């Protein structure tokens, strides 16, 4: 009888574990909302970010990219394109193997603002590889290393017609992305994962587009919500991620970035997720309005910094009562330089001073700015932020230019593309009086 009781208890435990379900309903008593998400592919038309791919061209990067085999001798004009899914790991493992010199390794670690904390010495297959070629009859083909074994002999060659900005696989936006297997590092161990990609080639090379999203649903105070998380440039959800949140009460989705706040009831919850998108976190923050955010309607994230001219500033405290254009840029970014040259110089001459200021957060070292500032006679505040990228990390900056306009009351009133090409001048025209 005792033996039977043990068996019965064991069965009940197994059933209770098997029936356990993740929590999906929350109230304002919950300080952390943790959601399990499901990943899936997205159509090309739902995606906007592109990543350039590289070829072996005689530089030291040739030692970082793997050798590829299995390309048929019947193909001519063969080109092999590479990109990595974990740049610092790819560089680190090549350095540890003696394929990359220390000076190059350290230079790019600093340039990327990265360290090797999450790297391992083992070789990780963190690459996406595409090969193109033309048969002797003139037919163009591409091969895609879907199983990430660096061998294209087992891949199906796809026919395609060469053309400007032509999506491989199909000439229209109905092309379904390819699934690719890759390796990632979790808690120091190599694990296999997958994502979906599309790609096209033009006169500037091969471009890669990641086509996936993660979705979760939950209930808060009896209202049903849906969250879609999309990484805009790479497959990593920590970089430039967009959260689309909709509810039964408001089916039109609203966009948020990592670290921004979703208001549920009377509370603010900060949005974040795991790097693979499979976990979504909403953390209650009672000091949201004090801490600041990167979203319209909220105070900006504060920081203190030394400027190019050697002064210290405390933002936004030092700029109360002014309109401020916060401009994340780099001298190596052509659109950034164009914005400064064609718009900022004239706008600052007209409005700069007591009522308007520009703060340029440059992804450059101080000496890299010397010639630029002298050439364009830049008069506004510039902060070098290369290396540790302290301010850029606060604002989750992964592309340039990124713009924010803050009003005299200290709230973000516009950001992004709506401020490009000097469009923010209309706001200054309406609100600032000049003596001109």
Protein backbone atom coordinates (compact mmCIF):
# COMPACT_ATOMS: atom_id res chain seq x y z
CA UNK A 1 0.00 0.00 0.00
CA UNK A 2 2.83 2.36 0.88
CA UNK A 3 4.42 1.61 -2.50
CA UNK A 4 1.13 2.46 -4.27
CA UNK A 5 0.87 5.78 -2.39
CA UNK A 6 4.37 6.74 -3.54
CA UNK A 7 3.44 5.94 -7.15
CA UNK A 8 0.21 7.96 -6.82
CA UNK A 9 2.03 10.99 -5.37
CA UNK A 10 4.64 10.79 -8.14
CA UNK A 11 1.92 10.71 -10.80
CA UNK A 12 0.20 13.73 -9.26
CA UNK A 13 3.49 15.64 -9.24
CA UNK A 14 4.11 14.80 -12.89
CA UNK A 15 0.59 15.90 -13.82
CA UNK A 16 0.90 19.14 -11.85
CA UNK A 17 4.21 19.96 -13.55
CA UNK A 18 2.88 19.06 -16.97
CA UNK A 19 -0.20 21.23 -16.48
CA UNK A 20 1.71 24.24 -15.19
CA UNK A 21 1.06 27.25 -17.41
CA UNK A 22 2.94 30.51 -17.64
CA UNK A 23 1.14 33.46 -16.07
CA UNK A 24 -0.72 35.50 -18.67
CA UNK A 25 -2.95 37.77 -16.57
CA UNK A 26 -1.54 40.71 -14.60
CA UNK A 27 -2.59 43.70 -12.49
CA UNK A 28 -0.86 46.78 -11.07
CA UNK A 29 0.24 44.65 -8.14
CA UNK A 30 2.77 42.99 -10.48
CA UNK A 31 6.14 44.74 -10.59
CA UNK A 32 7.46 42.45 -13.35
CA UNK A 33 5.57 41.09 -16.32
CA UNK A 34 7.54 38.27 -17.97
CA UNK A 35 6.15 36.88 -21.21
CA UNK A 36 7.10 33.87 -23.32
CA UNK A 37 7.19 34.85 -27.00
CA UNK A 38 6.97 32.84 -30.20
CA UNK A 39 9.23 33.70 -33.15
CA UNK A 40 8.15 33.56 -36.77
CA UNK A 41 9.19 34.87 -40.17
CA UNK A 42 7.85 38.13 -41.58
CA UNK A 43 7.33 39.15 -45.22
CA UNK A 44 9.87 41.46 -46.80
CA UNK A 45 7.45 44.36 -47.03
CA UNK A 46 7.15 44.39 -43.23
CA UNK A 47 10.85 45.01 -42.79
CA UNK A 48 13.07 48.04 -43.41
CA UNK A 49 16.59 47.33 -42.15
CA UNK A 50 19.46 46.14 -44.33
CA UNK A 51 22.95 44.92 -43.51
CA UNK A 52 25.78 45.04 -46.04
CA UNK A 53 27.71 41.83 -46.76
CA UNK A 54 31.43 41.51 -47.47
CA UNK A 55 33.66 39.55 -49.82
CA UNK A 56 37.24 38.43 -49.31
CA UNK A 57 39.28 41.27 -50.74
CA UNK A 58 42.81 40.86 -49.41
CA UNK A 59 42.33 42.66 -46.10
CA UNK A 60 42.72 40.99 -42.72
CA UNK A 61 38.97 40.28 -42.65
CA UNK A 62 39.73 37.41 -45.04
CA UNK A 63 41.11 35.56 -42.02
CA UNK A 64 37.91 36.12 -40.04
CA UNK A 65 35.57 34.69 -42.69
CA UNK A 66 35.58 30.89 -43.18
CA UNK A 67 36.64 29.08 -46.34
CA UNK A 68 33.71 27.83 -48.40
CA UNK A 69 33.67 24.69 -50.54
CA UNK A 70 31.21 22.87 -52.75
CA UNK A 71 30.72 25.45 -55.52
CA UNK A 72 30.29 23.78 -58.91
CA UNK A 73 33.06 24.23 -61.48
CA UNK A 74 30.33 24.94 -64.04
CA UNK A 75 29.70 28.36 -62.48
CA UNK A 76 31.71 31.37 -63.60
CA UNK A 77 32.10 34.87 -62.16
CA UNK A 78 31.61 33.41 -58.68
CA UNK A 79 31.30 35.80 -55.75
CA UNK A 80 31.02 34.69 -52.13
CA UNK A 81 29.42 37.10 -49.67
CA UNK A 82 29.75 36.94 -45.89
CA UNK A 83 28.33 38.57 -42.81
CA UNK A 84 28.46 37.62 -39.17
CA UNK A 85 25.71 37.31 -36.61
CA UNK A 86 28.08 38.01 -33.71
CA UNK A 87 30.84 40.36 -34.85
CA UNK A 88 32.89 40.43 -31.65
CA UNK A 89 32.89 36.61 -31.32
CA UNK A 90 33.92 36.22 -34.97
CA UNK A 91 36.82 38.63 -34.47
CA UNK A 92 37.78 37.14 -31.08
CA UNK A 93 37.99 33.55 -32.32
CA UNK A 94 40.12 34.63 -35.30
CA UNK A 95 42.42 36.53 -32.92
CA UNK A 96 42.73 33.55 -30.57
CA UNK A 97 43.60 31.35 -33.56
CA UNK A 98 46.43 33.72 -34.51
CA UNK A 99 44.64 34.85 -37.69
CA UNK A 100 44.21 38.48 -36.60
CA UNK A 101 46.88 40.71 -35.09
CA UNK A 102 46.41 42.12 -31.61
CA UNK A 103 46.47 45.74 -32.79
CA UNK A 104 43.63 45.10 -35.26
CA UNK A 105 41.65 43.19 -32.67
CA UNK A 106 41.98 45.97 -30.08
CA UNK A 107 41.23 48.68 -32.64
CA UNK A 108 37.88 47.16 -33.62
CA UNK A 109 36.92 46.33 -30.06
CA UNK A 110 37.29 50.03 -29.28
CA UNK A 111 35.59 51.15 -32.50
CA UNK A 112 32.60 48.89 -31.81
CA UNK A 113 32.47 49.78 -28.13
CA UNK A 114 32.57 46.04 -27.38
CA UNK A 115 34.41 43.75 -25.00
CA UNK A 116 34.91 39.99 -24.90
CA UNK A 117 32.88 39.36 -21.74
CA UNK A 118 30.44 37.10 -23.57
CA UNK A 119 32.96 35.56 -25.99
CA UNK A 120 34.40 32.03 -25.81
CA UNK A 121 37.59 30.54 -27.25
CA UNK A 122 35.72 27.79 -29.13
CA UNK A 123 34.91 28.34 -32.78
CA UNK A 124 31.31 29.48 -33.25
CA UNK A 125 29.60 29.27 -36.64
CA UNK A 126 28.13 32.73 -36.56
CA UNK A 127 28.11 33.51 -40.29
CA UNK A 128 25.65 33.91 -43.13
CA UNK A 129 27.09 32.93 -46.53
CA UNK A 130 25.68 33.52 -50.02
CA UNK A 131 27.40 32.65 -53.31
CA UNK A 132 26.44 33.90 -56.77
CA UNK A 133 27.60 32.74 -60.19
CA UNK A 134 26.70 32.40 -63.86
CA UNK A 135 26.50 29.14 -65.81
CA UNK A 136 28.16 28.66 -69.20
CA UNK A 137 24.76 29.24 -70.81
CA UNK A 138 24.45 32.63 -69.12
CA UNK A 139 21.95 31.66 -66.42
CA UNK A 140 22.57 33.41 -63.08
CA UNK A 141 22.34 31.39 -59.86
CA UNK A 142 22.72 31.92 -56.15
CA UNK A 143 23.41 29.38 -53.39
CA UNK A 144 22.62 29.94 -49.76
CA UNK A 145 24.39 28.10 -46.92
CA UNK A 146 21.16 27.26 -45.05
CA UNK A 147 22.70 24.63 -42.72
CA UNK A 148 25.79 26.75 -41.90
CA UNK A 149 28.33 24.00 -42.66
CA UNK A 150 30.40 26.18 -45.05
CA UNK A 151 29.72 23.61 -47.80
CA UNK A 152 27.43 24.58 -50.68
CA UNK A 153 27.48 21.17 -52.40
CA UNK A 154 24.35 20.13 -50.49
CA UNK A 155 22.43 23.34 -51.26
CA UNK A 156 19.84 23.85 -53.99
CA UNK A 157 20.97 26.42 -56.59
CA UNK A 158 18.29 29.02 -57.26
CA UNK A 159 17.91 30.63 -60.66
CA UNK A 160 17.74 34.40 -60.75
CA UNK A 161 18.06 37.27 -63.18
CA UNK A 162 20.74 39.80 -62.34
CA UNK A 163 19.39 43.29 -61.89
CA UNK A 164 19.57 46.41 -59.80
CA UNK A 165 18.06 45.95 -56.35
CA UNK A 166 16.76 42.53 -57.28
CA UNK A 167 15.54 40.32 -54.46
CA UNK A 168 17.00 36.87 -55.00
CA UNK A 169 14.42 34.15 -55.39
CA UNK A 170 11.75 36.41 -56.84
CA UNK A 171 11.50 39.84 -58.42
CA UNK A 172 8.54 40.89 -56.27
CA UNK A 173 7.98 41.47 -52.58
CA UNK A 174 6.13 38.17 -52.17
CA UNK A 175 9.48 36.39 -51.96
CA UNK A 176 9.50 34.24 -48.83
CA UNK A 177 12.68 34.62 -46.75
CA UNK A 178 15.15 31.74 -46.37
CA UNK A 179 15.60 30.01 -43.04
CA UNK A 180 19.22 29.78 -41.87
CA UNK A 181 20.76 27.83 -39.00
CA UNK A 182 23.50 29.45 -36.94
CA UNK A 183 25.30 29.01 -33.61
CA UNK A 184 25.02 31.31 -30.61
CA UNK A 185 26.51 31.49 -27.12
CA UNK A 186 24.29 30.97 -24.08
CA UNK A 187 25.93 30.98 -20.63
CA UNK A 188 29.30 30.17 -22.18
CA UNK A 189 27.95 27.24 -24.22
CA UNK A 190 27.34 26.93 -27.96
CA UNK A 191 23.71 26.40 -28.92
CA UNK A 192 22.04 26.12 -32.32
CA UNK A 193 19.35 28.54 -33.41
CA UNK A 194 17.77 29.80 -36.62
CA UNK A 195 16.44 32.96 -38.24
CA UNK A 196 14.97 34.07 -41.58
CA UNK A 197 16.69 36.31 -44.11
CA UNK A 198 16.15 37.88 -47.52
CA UNK A 199 18.82 39.50 -49.66
CA UNK A 200 19.36 41.51 -52.80
CA UNK A 201 22.32 42.66 -54.87
CA UNK A 202 22.90 46.02 -56.53
CA UNK A 203 25.87 47.96 -57.85
CA UNK A 204 27.02 48.56 -54.25
CA UNK A 205 27.13 44.88 -53.29
CA UNK A 206 24.95 42.34 -51.49
CA UNK A 207 22.47 43.43 -48.84
CA UNK A 208 20.89 41.27 -46.18
CA UNK A 209 17.53 41.72 -44.52
CA UNK A 210 16.45 39.90 -41.36
CA UNK A 211 12.79 38.93 -41.50
CA UNK A 212 11.50 37.77 -38.15
CA UNK A 213 9.47 38.89 -35.17
CA UNK A 214 8.54 37.54 -31.74
CA UNK A 215 4.94 37.74 -30.50
CA UNK A 216 3.35 37.46 -27.06
CA UNK A 217 -0.08 38.09 -25.57
CA UNK A 218 -1.14 38.99 -22.03
CA UNK A 219 -4.01 40.44 -20.04
CA UNK A 220 -3.74 43.47 -17.77
CA UNK A 221 -6.71 44.53 -15.64
CA UNK A 222 -9.03 42.46 -17.87
CA UNK A 223 -7.77 44.14 -21.08
CA UNK A 224 -6.09 41.90 -23.68
CA UNK A 225 -2.75 43.07 -25.12
CA UNK A 226 -0.51 41.87 -27.93
CA UNK A 227 3.20 42.69 -28.28
CA UNK A 228 5.27 42.16 -31.43
CA UNK A 229 9.02 42.58 -31.11
CA UNK A 230 11.07 43.21 -34.24
CA UNK A 231 14.84 43.67 -34.55
CA UNK A 232 15.27 46.32 -37.25
CA UNK A 233 18.86 45.79 -38.42
CA UNK A 234 20.17 42.45 -37.21
CA UNK A 235 18.59 39.31 -35.76
CA UNK A 236 19.62 40.42 -32.25
CA UNK A 237 16.65 41.81 -30.37
CA UNK A 238 18.78 43.97 -28.11
CA UNK A 239 19.79 46.20 -31.02
CA UNK A 240 17.40 48.85 -32.29
CA UNK A 241 14.37 46.75 -31.39
CA UNK A 242 10.82 47.93 -32.05
CA UNK A 243 7.94 46.85 -29.79
CA UNK A 244 4.49 47.11 -31.39
CA UNK A 245 1.82 47.10 -28.71
CA UNK A 246 -1.91 46.86 -29.38
CA UNK A 247 -4.90 46.09 -27.18
CA UNK A 248 -8.52 45.15 -27.40
CA UNK A 249 -9.33 48.73 -26.44
CA UNK A 250 -6.99 50.23 -29.07
CA UNK A 251 -6.24 47.88 -31.95
CA UNK A 252 -4.02 50.43 -33.68
CA UNK A 253 -0.52 49.48 -32.57
CA UNK A 254 1.86 51.93 -30.95
CA UNK A 255 5.63 51.66 -31.40
CA UNK A 256 8.22 51.68 -28.61
CA UNK A 257 11.98 51.16 -28.51
CA UNK A 258 14.02 49.20 -25.96
CA UNK A 259 13.97 50.96 -22.59
CA UNK A 260 10.88 53.03 -23.33
CA UNK A 261 7.75 52.96 -21.19
CA UNK A 262 4.32 51.48 -21.77
CA UNK A 263 1.63 52.94 -19.53
CA UNK A 264 -0.65 50.24 -18.14
CA UNK A 265 -3.39 51.57 -15.85
CA UNK A 266 -1.72 54.29 -13.80
CA UNK A 267 1.76 52.76 -13.92
CA UNK A 268 4.71 52.90 -16.29
CA UNK A 269 6.37 49.65 -17.38
CA UNK A 270 9.79 49.69 -19.05
CA UNK A 271 10.07 47.45 -22.13
CA UNK A 272 12.94 45.03 -22.68
CA UNK A 273 13.53 41.55 -24.05
CA UNK A 274 16.09 38.77 -24.23
CA UNK A 275 18.65 38.85 -27.04
CA UNK A 276 16.84 36.02 -28.87
CA UNK A 277 13.40 37.63 -28.51
CA UNK A 278 11.90 34.64 -26.70
CA UNK A 279 11.38 36.53 -23.45
CA UNK A 280 9.68 39.92 -23.17
CA UNK A 281 9.95 41.90 -19.93
CA UNK A 282 7.83 44.77 -18.64
CA UNK A 283 9.25 46.19 -15.42
CA UNK A 284 7.26 48.67 -13.32
CA UNK A 285 9.19 51.90 -12.85
CA UNK A 286 7.95 54.46 -10.33
CA UNK A 287 10.60 57.00 -11.41
CA UNK A 288 9.94 56.86 -15.15
CA UNK A 289 9.31 60.60 -15.44
CA UNK A 290 12.48 61.30 -13.44
CA UNK A 291 14.72 58.81 -15.25
CA UNK A 292 13.64 59.99 -18.68
CA UNK A 293 13.06 58.08 -21.89
CA UNK A 294 13.58 58.25 -25.64
CA UNK A 295 9.90 58.47 -26.54
CA UNK A 296 7.79 61.43 -27.55
CA UNK A 297 5.95 63.01 -24.62
CA UNK A 298 8.54 62.01 -22.01
CA UNK A 299 11.57 63.85 -20.59
CA UNK A 300 14.83 62.81 -22.31
CA UNK A 301 17.37 60.52 -20.67
CA UNK A 302 19.81 62.62 -18.70
CA UNK A 303 23.61 62.55 -18.88
CA UNK A 304 26.71 64.51 -17.90
CA UNK A 305 29.62 64.78 -20.32
CA UNK A 306 32.73 66.70 -21.33
CA UNK A 307 32.31 68.59 -24.59
CA UNK A 308 34.80 68.87 -27.44
CA UNK A 309 35.76 72.33 -26.16
CA UNK A 310 36.48 70.96 -22.69
CA UNK A 311 33.39 72.13 -20.80
CA UNK A 312 31.14 69.89 -18.71
CA UNK A 313 27.40 69.85 -19.32
CA UNK A 314 24.50 68.37 -17.39
CA UNK A 315 21.70 67.47 -19.79
CA UNK A 316 18.84 68.34 -19.70
CA UNK A 317 19.20 70.48 -16.54
CA UNK A 318 21.53 73.02 -18.18
CA UNK A 319 19.10 73.56 -21.07
CA UNK A 320 15.83 74.38 -19.34
CA UNK A 321 13.81 76.94 -21.26
CA UNK A 322 15.40 76.07 -24.62
CA UNK A 323 14.54 74.00 -27.63
CA UNK A 324 17.29 71.39 -28.01
CA UNK A 325 18.10 69.26 -31.05
CA UNK A 326 19.90 66.16 -29.81
CA UNK A 327 21.83 64.79 -32.80
CA UNK A 328 23.60 61.40 -32.73
CA UNK A 329 26.01 61.41 -35.67
CA UNK A 330 29.49 60.53 -36.98
CA UNK A 331 31.96 62.14 -39.37
CA UNK A 332 31.94 58.84 -41.27
CA UNK A 333 28.18 59.06 -41.88
CA UNK A 334 27.50 60.81 -45.20
CA UNK A 335 23.83 61.66 -44.43
CA UNK A 336 24.95 63.14 -41.08
CA UNK A 337 27.49 65.39 -42.76
CA UNK A 338 24.87 66.45 -45.31
CA UNK A 339 22.42 67.40 -42.56
CA UNK A 340 25.05 69.55 -40.84
CA UNK A 341 26.35 71.15 -44.03
CA UNK A 342 23.00 71.84 -45.70
CA UNK A 343 20.78 72.66 -42.71
CA UNK A 344 22.27 72.95 -39.23
CA UNK A 345 24.81 75.69 -39.97
CA UNK A 346 22.21 78.13 -41.30
CA UNK A 347 19.56 77.16 -38.73
CA UNK A 348 21.99 77.65 -35.86
CA UNK A 349 23.09 81.03 -37.18
CA UNK A 350 19.45 82.15 -37.09
CA UNK A 351 18.21 80.54 -33.87
CA UNK A 352 21.21 79.38 -31.84
CA UNK A 353 21.73 80.93 -28.43
CA UNK A 354 19.27 81.69 -25.63
CA UNK A 355 16.30 79.87 -27.13
CA UNK A 356 17.76 77.02 -29.19
CA UNK A 357 20.76 74.71 -28.93
CA UNK A 358 22.15 71.76 -30.83
CA UNK A 359 23.97 69.01 -28.95
CA UNK A 360 25.84 66.72 -31.31
CA UNK A 361 26.78 63.33 -29.84
CA UNK A 362 29.57 62.22 -32.18
CA UNK A 363 30.72 58.63 -32.57
CA UNK A 364 34.27 59.97 -32.86
CA UNK A 365 37.34 60.58 -30.74
CA UNK A 366 38.20 64.26 -30.09
CA UNK A 367 41.09 64.41 -32.59
CA UNK A 368 38.86 62.90 -35.29
CA UNK A 369 36.63 65.97 -35.02
CA UNK A 370 39.34 68.64 -35.43
CA UNK A 371 39.26 69.01 -39.20
CA UNK A 372 35.48 68.70 -39.42
CA UNK A 373 34.76 71.38 -36.82
CA UNK A 374 37.28 73.73 -38.40
CA UNK A 375 36.02 73.13 -41.94
CA UNK A 376 32.35 73.79 -41.15
CA UNK A 377 32.96 76.29 -38.31
CA UNK A 378 30.69 74.34 -35.98
CA UNK A 379 29.55 76.64 -33.17
CA UNK A 380 27.18 74.38 -31.26
CA UNK A 381 27.96 71.81 -28.55
CA UNK A 382 29.75 68.67 -29.71
CA UNK A 383 30.42 65.68 -27.44
CA UNK A 384 32.90 62.97 -28.56
CA UNK A 385 31.33 59.64 -27.58
CA UNK A 386 33.45 57.00 -29.28
CA UNK A 387 34.98 54.14 -27.28
CA UNK A 388 32.68 53.31 -24.39
CA UNK A 389 29.76 55.06 -26.16
CA UNK A 390 28.33 56.00 -22.76
CA UNK A 391 25.61 58.33 -24.06
CA UNK A 392 24.83 56.24 -27.15
CA UNK A 393 24.18 53.21 -24.98
CA UNK A 394 21.78 55.19 -22.81
CA UNK A 395 19.80 56.05 -25.94
CA UNK A 396 20.20 52.63 -27.62
CA UNK A 397 21.78 54.19 -30.72
CA UNK A 398 22.70 51.81 -33.54
CA UNK A 399 22.32 54.03 -36.59
CA UNK A 400 23.11 57.60 -37.60
CA UNK A 401 21.78 60.18 -37.70
CA UNK A 402 19.30 59.71 -34.86
CA UNK A 403 17.53 62.91 -33.84
CA UNK A 404 15.43 64.14 -30.90
CA UNK A 405 13.83 67.55 -30.43
CA UNK A 406 13.20 68.64 -26.83
CA UNK A 407 10.96 71.60 -26.03
CA UNK A 408 11.60 74.33 -23.39
CA UNK A 409 9.47 72.39 -20.89
CA UNK A 410 11.95 69.51 -21.12
CA UNK A 411 9.91 66.98 -23.07
CA UNK A 412 10.66 65.19 -26.34
CA UNK A 413 8.20 66.53 -28.92
CA UNK A 414 9.56 64.84 -32.09
CA UNK A 415 12.22 62.36 -33.14
CA UNK A 416 13.63 60.39 -36.06
CA UNK A 417 12.83 60.93 -39.71
CA UNK A 418 10.33 63.72 -39.10
CA UNK A 419 13.27 65.94 -38.07
CA UNK A 420 15.50 65.17 -41.05
CA UNK A 421 16.38 67.71 -43.76
CA UNK A 422 15.88 70.59 -41.36
CA UNK A 423 12.15 69.89 -40.97
CA UNK A 424 12.30 70.90 -37.30
CA UNK A 425 12.82 74.54 -38.35
CA UNK A 426 9.04 74.90 -38.77
CA UNK A 427 8.66 74.29 -35.02
CA UNK A 428 11.31 76.93 -34.28
CA UNK A 429 9.63 79.38 -36.67
CA UNK A 430 6.37 79.04 -34.76
CA UNK A 431 7.88 79.35 -31.30
CA UNK A 432 11.02 81.48 -31.45
CA UNK A 433 11.13 85.18 -32.20
CA UNK A 434 14.27 86.53 -33.85
CA UNK A 435 15.56 90.03 -34.45
CA UNK A 436 16.01 89.34 -38.15
